[in-house]
Amino acid sequence: METARALHQEIQGLAKDAPEQMLPQLKELSSPVENTLVIADSPGSAWTFNPGTWTRAAAELETGCAPYRAR
């Protein structure tokens, strides 16, 4: 759970400095981790995960960040 919390906090930290148009993708990227935390805190809680939406969000973030990659 510590790893999930750390990853979730890292993505939230990125979202604070990210352009507004990237916020939906960052939220989607963190959704599986957020679901994991919810389930850990409240076993039996309902959650959803759409792998297609997650994959699109990750691809859009990768494309958007490509110009900033270290060379």
C-alpha atoms as a PDB file:
ATOM      1  CA  MET A   1       0.000   0.000   0.000  1.00  0.00           C
ATOM      2  CA  GLU A   2       2.905   2.350   0.646  1.00  0.00           C
ATOM      3  CA  THR A   3       3.998   2.003  -2.971  1.00  0.00           C
ATOM      4  CA  ALA A   4       0.465   2.721  -4.215  1.00  0.00           C
ATOM      5  CA  ARG A   5       0.187   5.784  -1.976  1.00  0.00           C
ATOM      6  CA  ALA A   6       3.589   7.068  -3.119  1.00  0.00           C
ATOM      7  CA  LEU A   7       2.681   6.608  -6.789  1.00  0.00           C
ATOM      8  CA  HIS A   8      -0.669   8.318  -6.296  1.00  0.00           C
ATOM      9  CA  GLN A   9       1.009  11.253  -4.534  1.00  0.00           C
ATOM     10  CA  GLU A  10       3.586  11.523  -7.302  1.00  0.00           C
ATOM     11  CA  ILE A  11       0.906  11.698  -9.998  1.00  0.00           C
ATOM     12  CA  GLN A  12      -1.024  14.264  -7.942  1.00  0.00           C
ATOM     13  CA  GLY A  13       2.180  16.303  -7.649  1.00  0.00           C
ATOM     14  CA  LEU A  14       2.618  16.215 -11.408  1.00  0.00           C
ATOM     15  CA  ALA A  15      -0.964  17.366 -11.845  1.00  0.00           C
ATOM     16  CA  LYS A  16      -0.312  20.469  -9.732  1.00  0.00           C
ATOM     17  CA  ASP A  17       2.230  21.746 -12.268  1.00  0.00           C
ATOM     18  CA  ALA A  18       0.711  20.256 -15.415  1.00  0.00           C
ATOM     19  CA  PRO A  19      -1.126  22.229 -18.069  1.00  0.00           C
ATOM     20  CA  GLU A  20      -4.891  22.105 -17.545  1.00  0.00           C
ATOM     21  CA  GLN A  21      -5.481  20.086 -20.711  1.00  0.00           C
ATOM     22  CA  MET A  22      -3.389  17.227 -19.243  1.00  0.00           C
ATOM     23  CA  LEU A  23      -5.378  16.947 -16.009  1.00  0.00           C
ATOM     24  CA  PRO A  24      -7.999  14.462 -17.304  1.00  0.00           C
ATOM     25  CA  GLN A  25      -5.244  12.155 -18.576  1.00  0.00           C
ATOM     26  CA  LEU A  26      -3.341  12.343 -15.296  1.00  0.00           C
ATOM     27  CA  LYS A  27      -6.532  11.590 -13.364  1.00  0.00           C
ATOM     28  CA  GLU A  28      -7.179   8.567 -15.577  1.00  0.00           C
ATOM     29  CA  LEU A  29      -3.558   7.432 -15.257  1.00  0.00           C
ATOM     30  CA  SER A  30      -3.894   7.394 -11.475  1.00  0.00           C
ATOM     31  CA  SER A  31      -7.333   5.746 -11.420  1.00  0.00           C
ATOM     32  CA  PRO A  32      -6.126   2.144 -10.892  1.00  0.00           C
ATOM     33  CA  VAL A  33      -3.921   3.248  -8.001  1.00  0.00           C
ATOM     34  CA  GLU A  34      -6.729   5.324  -6.530  1.00  0.00           C
ATOM     35  CA  ASN A  35      -9.056   2.310  -6.798  1.00  0.00           C
ATOM     36  CA  THR A  36      -6.481   0.177  -5.007  1.00  0.00           C
ATOM     37  CA  LEU A  37      -6.313   2.680  -2.159  1.00  0.00           C
ATOM     38  CA  VAL A  38     -10.109   2.863  -1.888  1.00  0.00           C
ATOM     39  CA  ILE A  39     -10.401  -0.921  -1.757  1.00  0.00           C
ATOM     40  CA  ALA A  40      -7.657  -1.158   0.868  1.00  0.00           C
ATOM     41  CA  ASP A  41      -9.423   1.398   3.040  1.00  0.00           C
ATOM     42  CA  SER A  42     -12.916  -0.019   2.434  1.00  0.00           C
ATOM     43  CA  PRO A  43     -12.863  -3.650   1.302  1.00  0.00           C
ATOM     44  CA  GLY A  44     -15.859  -4.473  -0.843  1.00  0.00           C
ATOM     45  CA  SER A  45     -16.079  -0.962  -2.274  1.00  0.00           C
ATOM     46  CA  ALA A  46     -17.227  -0.711  -5.860  1.00  0.00           C
ATOM     47  CA  TRP A  47     -14.702   0.427  -8.419  1.00  0.00           C
ATOM     48  CA  THR A  48     -14.299   0.531 -12.168  1.00  0.00           C
ATOM     49  CA  PHE A  49     -11.379   0.380 -14.535  1.00  0.00           C
ATOM     50  CA  ASN A  50     -11.486   0.800 -18.289  1.00  0.00           C
ATOM     51  CA  PRO A  51      -8.193  -0.408 -19.801  1.00  0.00           C
ATOM     52  CA  GLY A  52      -8.935   1.272 -23.134  1.00  0.00           C
ATOM     53  CA  THR A  53      -9.455   4.659 -21.515  1.00  0.00           C
ATOM     54  CA  TRP A  54      -6.350   4.189 -19.375  1.00  0.00           C
ATOM     55  CA  THR A  55      -4.258   3.216 -22.408  1.00  0.00           C
ATOM     56  CA  ARG A  56      -5.471   6.258 -24.370  1.00  0.00           C
ATOM     57  CA  ALA A  57      -4.668   8.551 -21.450  1.00  0.00           C
ATOM     58  CA  ALA A  58      -1.167   7.112 -21.120  1.00  0.00           C
ATOM     59  CA  ALA A  59      -0.555   7.464 -24.868  1.00  0.00           C
ATOM     60  CA  GLU A  60      -1.807  11.071 -24.862  1.00  0.00           C
ATOM     61  CA  LEU A  61       0.475  11.924 -21.943  1.00  0.00           C
ATOM     62  CA  GLU A  62       3.418  10.277 -23.653  1.00  0.00           C
ATOM     63  CA  THR A  63       2.743  12.267 -26.819  1.00  0.00           C
ATOM     64  CA  GLY A  64       2.272  15.512 -24.891  1.00  0.00           C
ATOM     65  CA  CYS A  65       5.476  15.027 -22.904  1.00  0.00           C
ATOM     66  CA  ALA A  66       7.615  13.880 -25.835  1.00  0.00           C
ATOM     67  CA  PRO A  67       9.014  17.355 -26.573  1.00  0.00           C
ATOM     68  CA  TYR A  68      10.322  17.569 -23.000  1.00  0.00           C
ATOM     69  CA  ARG A  69      12.187  14.255 -22.866  1.00  0.00           C
ATOM     70  CA  ALA A  70      15.825  14.400 -21.867  1.00  0.00           C
ATOM     71  CA  ARG A  71      18.052  13.633 -24.779  1.00  0.00           C
END
